[in-house]
Amino acid sequence: MVNWYCVATTCVKRRIALKTLKGIVKGNTVVLEQGAALPDGTEVEVRPLRSAEELEKAFAGVRANRIDRYVGIEEIIEDDKREREERIDSWFQ
């Protein structure tokens, strides 16, 4: 939801966070769960939710590649530098 408020001659556009609503896509239209309603013209952001199977697959990948030792920020930075140097596309940036 976007609100405008003006002080003297300055107007500012301010976004107000609303509660999260759930719905299902039917025929390229989002049908909100029962009892949920928004006024016509309300700007919304729609993000598909991941299924439980997708989440479990992602977590299984993390568990399978667990790091068994402390990794400091210095090591992370060095690894990042090394990876960038190995990628030819990063040479031209």
PDB file of N, CA and C in Angstrom:
ATOM      1  N   MET A   1       0.852  -1.168   0.000  1.00  0.00           N
ATOM      2  CA  MET A   1       0.000   0.000   0.000  1.00  0.00           C
ATOM      3  C   MET A   1       0.899   1.232   0.000  1.00  0.00           C
ATOM      4  N   VAL A   2       0.544   2.231  -0.768  1.00  0.00           N
ATOM      5  CA  VAL A   2       1.344   3.446  -0.845  1.00  0.00           C
ATOM      6  C   VAL A   2       0.511   4.611  -0.357  1.00  0.00           C
ATOM      7  N   ASN A   3       1.057   5.379   0.551  1.00  0.00           N
ATOM      8  CA  ASN A   3       0.401   6.589   1.046  1.00  0.00           C
ATOM      9  C   ASN A   3       1.249   7.787   0.687  1.00  0.00           C
ATOM     10  N   TRP A   4       0.621   8.916   0.500  1.00  0.00           N
ATOM     11  CA  TRP A   4       1.317  10.177   0.288  1.00  0.00           C
ATOM     12  C   TRP A   4       1.046  11.064   1.482  1.00  0.00           C
ATOM     13  N   TYR A   5       2.053  11.766   1.940  1.00  0.00           N
ATOM     14  CA  TYR A   5       1.809  12.776   2.951  1.00  0.00           C
ATOM     15  C   TYR A   5       2.638  13.997   2.592  1.00  0.00           C
ATOM     16  N   CYS A   6       2.106  15.173   2.881  1.00  0.00           N
ATOM     17  CA  CYS A   6       2.755  16.419   2.503  1.00  0.00           C
ATOM     18  C   CYS A   6       2.988  17.291   3.733  1.00  0.00           C
ATOM     19  N   VAL A   7       4.178  17.855   3.799  1.00  0.00           N
ATOM     20  CA  VAL A   7       4.514  18.814   4.839  1.00  0.00           C
ATOM     21  C   VAL A   7       4.984  20.067   4.120  1.00  0.00           C
ATOM     22  N   ALA A   8       4.298  21.191   4.364  1.00  0.00           N
ATOM     23  CA  ALA A   8       4.573  22.453   3.645  1.00  0.00           C
ATOM     24  C   ALA A   8       4.414  22.168   2.157  1.00  0.00           C
ATOM     25  N   THR A   9       5.487  22.262   1.373  1.00  0.00           N
ATOM     26  CA  THR A   9       5.373  22.025  -0.067  1.00  0.00           C
ATOM     27  C   THR A   9       6.069  20.751  -0.503  1.00  0.00           C
ATOM     28  N   THR A  10       6.502  19.918   0.458  1.00  0.00           N
ATOM     29  CA  THR A  10       7.215  18.685   0.124  1.00  0.00           C
ATOM     30  C   THR A  10       6.285  17.497   0.318  1.00  0.00           C
ATOM     31  N   CYS A  11       6.135  16.694  -0.723  1.00  0.00           N
ATOM     32  CA  CYS A  11       5.332  15.483  -0.640  1.00  0.00           C
ATOM     33  C   CYS A  11       6.262  14.273  -0.696  1.00  0.00           C
ATOM     34  N   VAL A  12       5.974  13.285   0.113  1.00  0.00           N
ATOM     35  CA  VAL A  12       6.801  12.092   0.193  1.00  0.00           C
ATOM     36  C   VAL A  12       5.918  10.883  -0.029  1.00  0.00           C
ATOM     37  N   LYS A  13       6.416   9.948  -0.838  1.00  0.00           N
ATOM     38  CA  LYS A  13       5.710   8.697  -1.058  1.00  0.00           C
ATOM     39  C   LYS A  13       6.219   7.706  -0.028  1.00  0.00           C
ATOM     40  N   ARG A  14       5.311   7.098   0.735  1.00  0.00           N
ATOM     41  CA  ARG A  14       5.688   6.200   1.816  1.00  0.00           C
ATOM     42  C   ARG A  14       4.961   4.874   1.644  1.00  0.00           C
ATOM     43  N   ARG A  15       5.699   3.785   1.748  1.00  0.00           N
ATOM     44  CA  ARG A  15       5.087   2.453   1.673  1.00  0.00           C
ATOM     45  C   ARG A  15       4.731   1.987   3.077  1.00  0.00           C
ATOM     46  N   ILE A  16       3.549   1.439   3.205  1.00  0.00           N
ATOM     47  CA  ILE A  16       3.098   0.913   4.485  1.00  0.00           C
ATOM     48  C   ILE A  16       2.945  -0.598   4.314  1.00  0.00           C
ATOM     49  N   ALA A  17       3.605  -1.356   5.163  1.00  0.00           N
ATOM     50  CA  ALA A  17       3.536  -2.811   5.078  1.00  0.00           C
ATOM     51  C   ALA A  17       2.200  -3.297   5.627  1.00  0.00           C
ATOM     52  N   LEU A  18       1.549  -4.146   4.869  1.00  0.00           N
ATOM     53  CA  LEU A  18       0.308  -4.777   5.304  1.00  0.00           C
ATOM     54  C   LEU A  18       0.612  -6.207   5.703  1.00  0.00           C
ATOM     55  N   LYS A  19      -0.330  -6.860   6.333  1.00  0.00           N
ATOM     56  CA  LYS A  19      -0.119  -8.256   6.684  1.00  0.00           C
ATOM     57  C   LYS A  19      -0.031  -9.099   5.414  1.00  0.00           C
ATOM     58  N   THR A  20       0.595 -10.237   5.534  1.00  0.00           N
ATOM     59  CA  THR A  20       0.749 -11.147   4.406  1.00  0.00           C
ATOM     60  C   THR A  20      -0.553 -11.888   4.178  1.00  0.00           C
ATOM     61  N   LEU A  21      -0.971 -11.927   2.936  1.00  0.00           N
ATOM     62  CA  LEU A  21      -2.178 -12.656   2.552  1.00  0.00           C
ATOM     63  C   LEU A  21      -1.773 -13.832   1.679  1.00  0.00           C
ATOM     64  N   LYS A  22      -2.518 -14.920   1.748  1.00  0.00           N
ATOM     65  CA  LYS A  22      -2.240 -16.094   0.929  1.00  0.00           C
ATOM     66  C   LYS A  22      -3.351 -16.280  -0.089  1.00  0.00           C
ATOM     67  N   GLY A  23      -3.008 -16.900  -1.182  1.00  0.00           N
ATOM     68  CA  GLY A  23      -3.976 -17.182  -2.219  1.00  0.00           C
ATOM     69  C   GLY A  23      -3.450 -18.245  -3.160  1.00  0.00           C
ATOM     70  N   ILE A  24      -4.233 -18.546  -4.167  1.00  0.00           N
ATOM     71  CA  ILE A  24      -3.879 -19.539  -5.183  1.00  0.00           C
ATOM     72  C   ILE A  24      -4.127 -18.911  -6.547  1.00  0.00           C
ATOM     73  N   VAL A  25      -3.230 -19.207  -7.497  1.00  0.00           N
ATOM     74  CA  VAL A  25      -3.392 -18.690  -8.861  1.00  0.00           C
ATOM     75  C   VAL A  25      -4.367 -19.591  -9.608  1.00  0.00           C
ATOM     76  N   LYS A  26      -5.385 -18.970 -10.201  1.00  0.00           N
ATOM     77  CA  LYS A  26      -6.354 -19.671 -11.047  1.00  0.00           C
ATOM     78  C   LYS A  26      -6.556 -18.834 -12.291  1.00  0.00           C
ATOM     79  N   GLY A  27      -6.182 -19.369 -13.436  1.00  0.00           N
ATOM     80  CA  GLY A  27      -6.366 -18.640 -14.694  1.00  0.00           C
ATOM     81  C   GLY A  27      -5.590 -17.327 -14.713  1.00  0.00           C
ATOM     82  N   ASN A  28      -4.362 -17.340 -14.215  1.00  0.00           N
ATOM     83  CA  ASN A  28      -3.484 -16.169 -14.169  1.00  0.00           C
ATOM     84  C   ASN A  28      -4.032 -15.044 -13.284  1.00  0.00           C
ATOM     85  N   THR A  29      -4.922 -15.377 -12.363  1.00  0.00           N
ATOM     86  CA  THR A  29      -5.459 -14.428 -11.396  1.00  0.00           C
ATOM     87  C   THR A  29      -5.235 -14.996 -10.002  1.00  0.00           C
ATOM     88  N   VAL A  30      -4.792 -14.169  -9.071  1.00  0.00           N
ATOM     89  CA  VAL A  30      -4.591 -14.629  -7.700  1.00  0.00           C
ATOM     90  C   VAL A  30      -5.916 -14.538  -6.961  1.00  0.00           C
ATOM     91  N   VAL A  31      -6.389 -15.669  -6.473  1.00  0.00           N
ATOM     92  CA  VAL A  31      -7.621 -15.734  -5.685  1.00  0.00           C
ATOM     93  C   VAL A  31      -7.198 -15.828  -4.226  1.00  0.00           C
ATOM     94  N   LEU A  32      -7.515 -14.795  -3.452  1.00  0.00           N
ATOM     95  CA  LEU A  32      -7.107 -14.748  -2.051  1.00  0.00           C
ATOM     96  C   LEU A  32      -7.919 -15.722  -1.212  1.00  0.00           C
ATOM     97  N   GLU A  33      -7.320 -16.159  -0.096  1.00  0.00           N
ATOM     98  CA  GLU A  33      -8.018 -17.074   0.800  1.00  0.00           C
ATOM     99  C   GLU A  33      -9.286 -16.411   1.325  1.00  0.00           C
ATOM    100  N   GLN A  34     -10.206 -17.224   1.762  1.00  0.00           N
ATOM    101  CA  GLN A  34     -11.501 -16.724   2.205  1.00  0.00           C
ATOM    102  C   GLN A  34     -11.349 -15.703   3.329  1.00  0.00           C
ATOM    103  N   GLY A  35     -12.074 -14.623   3.215  1.00  0.00           N
ATOM    104  CA  GLY A  35     -12.052 -13.576   4.221  1.00  0.00           C
ATOM    105  C   GLY A  35     -11.041 -12.478   3.940  1.00  0.00           C
ATOM    106  N   ALA A  36     -10.117 -12.723   3.023  1.00  0.00           N
ATOM    107  CA  ALA A  36      -9.109 -11.713   2.690  1.00  0.00           C
ATOM    108  C   ALA A  36      -9.650 -10.821   1.570  1.00  0.00           C
ATOM    109  N   ALA A  37      -9.452  -9.535   1.716  1.00  0.00           N
ATOM    110  CA  ALA A  37      -9.929  -8.601   0.688  1.00  0.00           C
ATOM    111  C   ALA A  37      -8.990  -7.412   0.625  1.00  0.00           C
ATOM    112  N   LEU A  38      -8.781  -6.916  -0.576  1.00  0.00           N
ATOM    113  CA  LEU A  38      -7.985  -5.714  -0.802  1.00  0.00           C
ATOM    114  C   LEU A  38      -8.798  -4.765  -1.664  1.00  0.00           C
ATOM    115  N   PRO A  39      -8.657  -3.473  -1.453  1.00  0.00           N
ATOM    116  CA  PRO A  39      -9.380  -2.524  -2.298  1.00  0.00           C
ATOM    117  C   PRO A  39      -8.859  -2.571  -3.736  1.00  0.00           C
ATOM    118  N   ASP A  40      -9.733  -2.305  -4.700  1.00  0.00           N
ATOM    119  CA  ASP A  40      -9.312  -2.233  -6.096  1.00  0.00           C
ATOM    120  C   ASP A  40      -8.195  -1.217  -6.255  1.00  0.00           C
ATOM    121  N   GLY A  41      -7.199  -1.556  -7.062  1.00  0.00           N
ATOM    122  CA  GLY A  41      -6.095  -0.654  -7.304  1.00  0.00           C
ATOM    123  C   GLY A  41      -4.940  -0.807  -6.333  1.00  0.00           C
ATOM    124  N   THR A  42      -5.083  -1.700  -5.341  1.00  0.00           N
ATOM    125  CA  THR A  42      -4.000  -1.903  -4.381  1.00  0.00           C
ATOM    126  C   THR A  42      -2.819  -2.556  -5.079  1.00  0.00           C
ATOM    127  N   GLU A  43      -1.633  -1.970  -4.907  1.00  0.00           N
ATOM    128  CA  GLU A  43      -0.417  -2.537  -5.480  1.00  0.00           C
ATOM    129  C   GLU A  43       0.026  -3.703  -4.616  1.00  0.00           C
ATOM    130  N   VAL A  44       0.343  -4.841  -5.241  1.00  0.00           N
ATOM    131  CA  VAL A  44       0.753  -6.024  -4.498  1.00  0.00           C
ATOM    132  C   VAL A  44       2.045  -6.591  -5.085  1.00  0.00           C
ATOM    133  N   GLU A  45       2.703  -7.403  -4.299  1.00  0.00           N
ATOM    134  CA  GLU A  45       3.886  -8.139  -4.737  1.00  0.00           C
ATOM    135  C   GLU A  45       3.577  -9.609  -4.546  1.00  0.00           C
ATOM    136  N   VAL A  46       3.742 -10.416  -5.590  1.00  0.00           N
ATOM    137  CA  VAL A  46       3.402 -11.834  -5.533  1.00  0.00           C
ATOM    138  C   VAL A  46       4.678 -12.649  -5.684  1.00  0.00           C
ATOM    139  N   ARG A  47       4.908 -13.559  -4.731  1.00  0.00           N
ATOM    140  CA  ARG A  47       6.061 -14.449  -4.788  1.00  0.00           C
ATOM    141  C   ARG A  47       5.581 -15.882  -4.603  1.00  0.00           C
ATOM    142  N   PRO A  48       5.901 -16.780  -5.548  1.00  0.00           N
ATOM    143  CA  PRO A  48       5.497 -18.175  -5.370  1.00  0.00           C
ATOM    144  C   PRO A  48       6.179 -18.775  -4.149  1.00  0.00           C
ATOM    145  N   LEU A  49       5.441 -19.590  -3.408  1.00  0.00           N
ATOM    146  CA  LEU A  49       6.002 -20.281  -2.242  1.00  0.00           C
ATOM    147  C   LEU A  49       6.640 -21.581  -2.698  1.00  0.00           C
ATOM    148  N   ARG A  50       7.698 -21.967  -2.027  1.00  0.00           N
ATOM    149  CA  ARG A  50       8.339 -23.247  -2.333  1.00  0.00           C
ATOM    150  C   ARG A  50       7.535 -24.370  -1.686  1.00  0.00           C
ATOM    151  N   SER A  51       7.514 -25.496  -2.378  1.00  0.00           N
ATOM    152  CA  SER A  51       6.813 -26.654  -1.812  1.00  0.00           C
ATOM    153  C   SER A  51       7.674 -27.279  -0.721  1.00  0.00           C
ATOM    154  N   ALA A  52       7.062 -28.093   0.106  1.00  0.00           N
ATOM    155  CA  ALA A  52       7.776 -28.770   1.182  1.00  0.00           C
ATOM    156  C   ALA A  52       8.880 -29.659   0.613  1.00  0.00           C
ATOM    157  N   GLU A  53       8.636 -30.281  -0.551  1.00  0.00           N
ATOM    158  CA  GLU A  53       9.640 -31.143  -1.171  1.00  0.00           C
ATOM    159  C   GLU A  53      10.856 -30.333  -1.619  1.00  0.00           C
ATOM    160  N   GLU A  54      10.615 -29.138  -2.181  1.00  0.00           N
ATOM    161  CA  GLU A  54      11.723 -28.279  -2.604  1.00  0.00           C
ATOM    162  C   GLU A  54      12.558 -27.836  -1.411  1.00  0.00           C
ATOM    163  N   LEU A  55      11.907 -27.464  -0.328  1.00  0.00           N
ATOM    164  CA  LEU A  55      12.629 -27.050   0.874  1.00  0.00           C
ATOM    165  C   LEU A  55      13.442 -28.192   1.456  1.00  0.00           C
ATOM    166  N   GLU A  56      12.856 -29.385   1.519  1.00  0.00           N
ATOM    167  CA  GLU A  56      13.574 -30.535   2.058  1.00  0.00           C
ATOM    168  C   GLU A  56      14.788 -30.862   1.197  1.00  0.00           C
ATOM    169  N   LYS A  57      14.662 -30.752  -0.113  1.00  0.00           N
ATOM    170  CA  LYS A  57      15.786 -31.006  -1.018  1.00  0.00           C
ATOM    171  C   LYS A  57      16.908 -29.988  -0.764  1.00  0.00           C
ATOM    172  N   ALA A  58      16.545 -28.719  -0.582  1.00  0.00           N
ATOM    173  CA  ALA A  58      17.543 -27.681  -0.317  1.00  0.00           C
ATOM    174  C   ALA A  58      18.244 -27.940   1.015  1.00  0.00           C
ATOM    175  N   PHE A  59      17.491 -28.274   2.060  1.00  0.00           N
ATOM    176  CA  PHE A  59      18.086 -28.553   3.365  1.00  0.00           C
ATOM    177  C   PHE A  59      18.958 -29.804   3.325  1.00  0.00           C
ATOM    178  N   ALA A  60      18.553 -30.807   2.549  1.00  0.00           N
ATOM    179  CA  ALA A  60      19.363 -32.023   2.424  1.00  0.00           C
ATOM    180  C   ALA A  60      20.711 -31.686   1.799  1.00  0.00           C
ATOM    181  N   GLY A  61      20.714 -30.790   0.820  1.00  0.00           N
ATOM    182  CA  GLY A  61      21.969 -30.358   0.200  1.00  0.00           C
ATOM    183  C   GLY A  61      22.870 -29.654   1.188  1.00  0.00           C
ATOM    184  N   VAL A  62      22.297 -28.835   2.048  1.00  0.00           N
ATOM    185  CA  VAL A  62      23.085 -28.143   3.071  1.00  0.00           C
ATOM    186  C   VAL A  62      23.648 -29.149   4.067  1.00  0.00           C
ATOM    187  N   ARG A  63      22.813 -30.089   4.506  1.00  0.00           N
ATOM    188  CA  ARG A  63      23.282 -31.098   5.468  1.00  0.00           C
ATOM    189  C   ARG A  63      24.385 -31.970   4.868  1.00  0.00           C
ATOM    190  N   ALA A  64      24.284 -32.293   3.578  1.00  0.00           N
ATOM    191  CA  ALA A  64      25.275 -33.150   2.919  1.00  0.00           C
ATOM    192  C   ALA A  64      26.614 -32.442   2.746  1.00  0.00           C
ATOM    193  N   ASN A  65      26.620 -31.116   2.719  1.00  0.00           N
ATOM    194  CA  ASN A  65      27.844 -30.344   2.498  1.00  0.00           C
ATOM    195  C   ASN A  65      28.193 -29.499   3.712  1.00  0.00           C
ATOM    196  N   ARG A  66      27.953 -30.030   4.884  1.00  0.00           N
ATOM    197  CA  ARG A  66      28.190 -29.308   6.129  1.00  0.00           C
ATOM    198  C   ARG A  66      29.673 -28.982   6.310  1.00  0.00           C
ATOM    199  N   ILE A  67      29.959 -27.794   6.814  1.00  0.00           N
ATOM    200  CA  ILE A  67      31.326 -27.385   7.120  1.00  0.00           C
ATOM    201  C   ILE A  67      31.599 -27.768   8.569  1.00  0.00           C
ATOM    202  N   ASP A  68      32.655 -28.567   8.782  1.00  0.00           N
ATOM    203  CA  ASP A  68      32.935 -29.107  10.115  1.00  0.00           C
ATOM    204  C   ASP A  68      33.928 -28.283  10.914  1.00  0.00           C
ATOM    205  N   ARG A  69      34.307 -27.122  10.416  1.00  0.00           N
ATOM    206  CA  ARG A  69      35.283 -26.315  11.126  1.00  0.00           C
ATOM    207  C   ARG A  69      34.880 -24.852  11.053  1.00  0.00           C
ATOM    208  N   TYR A  70      35.488 -24.039  11.893  1.00  0.00           N
ATOM    209  CA  TYR A  70      35.226 -22.601  11.890  1.00  0.00           C
ATOM    210  C   TYR A  70      35.797 -21.988  10.616  1.00  0.00           C
ATOM    211  N   VAL A  71      35.015 -21.128   9.983  1.00  0.00           N
ATOM    212  CA  VAL A  71      35.466 -20.411   8.800  1.00  0.00           C
ATOM    213  C   VAL A  71      35.344 -18.922   9.101  1.00  0.00           C
ATOM    214  N   GLY A  72      36.488 -18.235   9.117  1.00  0.00           N
ATOM    215  CA  GLY A  72      36.500 -16.807   9.406  1.00  0.00           C
ATOM    216  C   GLY A  72      36.257 -15.980   8.161  1.00  0.00           C
ATOM    217  N   ILE A  73      35.952 -14.715   8.356  1.00  0.00           N
ATOM    218  CA  ILE A  73      35.653 -13.819   7.242  1.00  0.00           C
ATOM    219  C   ILE A  73      36.857 -13.665   6.318  1.00  0.00           C
ATOM    220  N   GLU A  74      38.067 -13.720   6.875  1.00  0.00           N
ATOM    221  CA  GLU A  74      39.264 -13.586   6.047  1.00  0.00           C
ATOM    222  C   GLU A  74      39.340 -14.711   5.022  1.00  0.00           C
ATOM    223  N   GLU A  75      39.028 -15.925   5.465  1.00  0.00           N
ATOM    224  CA  GLU A  75      39.053 -17.075   4.561  1.00  0.00           C
ATOM    225  C   GLU A  75      37.967 -16.952   3.493  1.00  0.00           C
ATOM    226  N   ILE A  76      36.805 -16.465   3.874  1.00  0.00           N
ATOM    227  CA  ILE A  76      35.716 -16.278   2.913  1.00  0.00           C
ATOM    228  C   ILE A  76      36.117 -15.261   1.850  1.00  0.00           C
ATOM    229  N   ILE A  77      36.742 -14.165   2.274  1.00  0.00           N
ATOM    230  CA  ILE A  77      37.182 -13.127   1.331  1.00  0.00           C
ATOM    231  C   ILE A  77      38.239 -13.679   0.388  1.00  0.00           C
ATOM    232  N   GLU A  78      39.191 -14.433   0.918  1.00  0.00           N
ATOM    233  CA  GLU A  78      40.244 -15.018   0.076  1.00  0.00           C
ATOM    234  C   GLU A  78      39.659 -15.990  -0.944  1.00  0.00           C
ATOM    235  N   ASP A  79      38.723 -16.835  -0.513  1.00  0.00           N
ATOM    236  CA  ASP A  79      38.068 -17.758  -1.439  1.00  0.00           C
ATOM    237  C   ASP A  79      37.326 -17.001  -2.532  1.00  0.00           C
ATOM    238  N   ASP A  80      36.642 -15.933  -2.157  1.00  0.00           N
ATOM    239  CA  ASP A  80      35.910 -15.125  -3.128  1.00  0.00           C
ATOM    240  C   ASP A  80      36.873 -14.509  -4.148  1.00  0.00           C
ATOM    241  N   LYS A  81      37.991 -13.967  -3.671  1.00  0.00           N
ATOM    242  CA  LYS A  81      38.989 -13.385  -4.580  1.00  0.00           C
ATOM    243  C   LYS A  81      39.518 -14.442  -5.546  1.00  0.00           C
ATOM    244  N   ARG A  82      39.835 -15.615  -5.013  1.00  0.00           N
ATOM    245  CA  ARG A  82      40.362 -16.698  -5.837  1.00  0.00           C
ATOM    246  C   ARG A  82      39.351 -17.111  -6.904  1.00  0.00           C
ATOM    247  N   GLU A  83      38.088 -17.245  -6.524  1.00  0.00           N
ATOM    248  CA  GLU A  83      37.053 -17.620  -7.489  1.00  0.00           C
ATOM    249  C   GLU A  83      36.883 -16.559  -8.568  1.00  0.00           C
ATOM    250  N   ARG A  84      36.946 -15.292  -8.192  1.00  0.00           N
ATOM    251  CA  ARG A  84      36.826 -14.216  -9.168  1.00  0.00           C
ATOM    252  C   ARG A  84      37.988 -14.219 -10.149  1.00  0.00           C
ATOM    253  N   GLU A  85      39.192 -14.497  -9.654  1.00  0.00           N
ATOM    254  CA  GLU A  85      40.363 -14.530 -10.524  1.00  0.00           C
ATOM    255  C   GLU A  85      40.291 -15.683 -11.511  1.00  0.00           C
ATOM    256  N   GLU A  86      39.636 -16.773 -11.119  1.00  0.00           N
ATOM    257  CA  GLU A  86      39.530 -17.950 -11.984  1.00  0.00           C
ATOM    258  C   GLU A  86      38.472 -17.769 -13.071  1.00  0.00           C
ATOM    259  N   ARG A  87      37.550 -16.856 -12.897  1.00  0.00           N
ATOM    260  CA  ARG A  87      36.481 -16.648 -13.880  1.00  0.00           C
ATOM    261  C   ARG A  87      36.899 -15.546 -14.859  1.00  0.00           C
ATOM    262  N   ILE A  88      36.999 -15.915 -16.131  1.00  0.00           N
ATOM    263  CA  ILE A  88      37.444 -14.972 -17.140  1.00  0.00           C
ATOM    264  C   ILE A  88      36.486 -13.789 -17.287  1.00  0.00           C
ATOM    265  N   ASP A  89      35.172 -14.023 -17.080  1.00  0.00           N
ATOM    266  CA  ASP A  89      34.207 -12.935 -17.233  1.00  0.00           C
ATOM    267  C   ASP A  89      34.416 -11.839 -16.202  1.00  0.00           C
ATOM    268  N   SER A  90      35.051 -12.149 -15.068  1.00  0.00           N
ATOM    269  CA  SER A  90      35.290 -11.126 -14.051  1.00  0.00           C
ATOM    270  C   SER A  90      36.501 -10.259 -14.380  1.00  0.00           C
ATOM    271  N   TRP A  91      37.314 -10.669 -15.326  1.00  0.00           N
ATOM    272  CA  TRP A  91      38.509  -9.903 -15.685  1.00  0.00           C
ATOM    273  C   TRP A  91      38.150  -8.569 -16.325  1.00  0.00           C
ATOM    274  N   PHE A  92      36.993  -8.482 -16.961  1.00  0.00           N
ATOM    275  CA  PHE A  92      36.637  -7.300 -17.741  1.00  0.00           C
ATOM    276  C   PHE A  92      35.764  -6.320 -16.974  1.00  0.00           C
ATOM    277  N   GLN A  93      35.579  -6.540 -15.685  1.00  0.00           N
ATOM    278  CA  GLN A  93      34.728  -5.648 -14.885  1.00  0.00           C
ATOM    279  C   GLN A  93      35.540  -4.547 -14.266  1.00  0.00           C
TER     280      GLN A  93
END
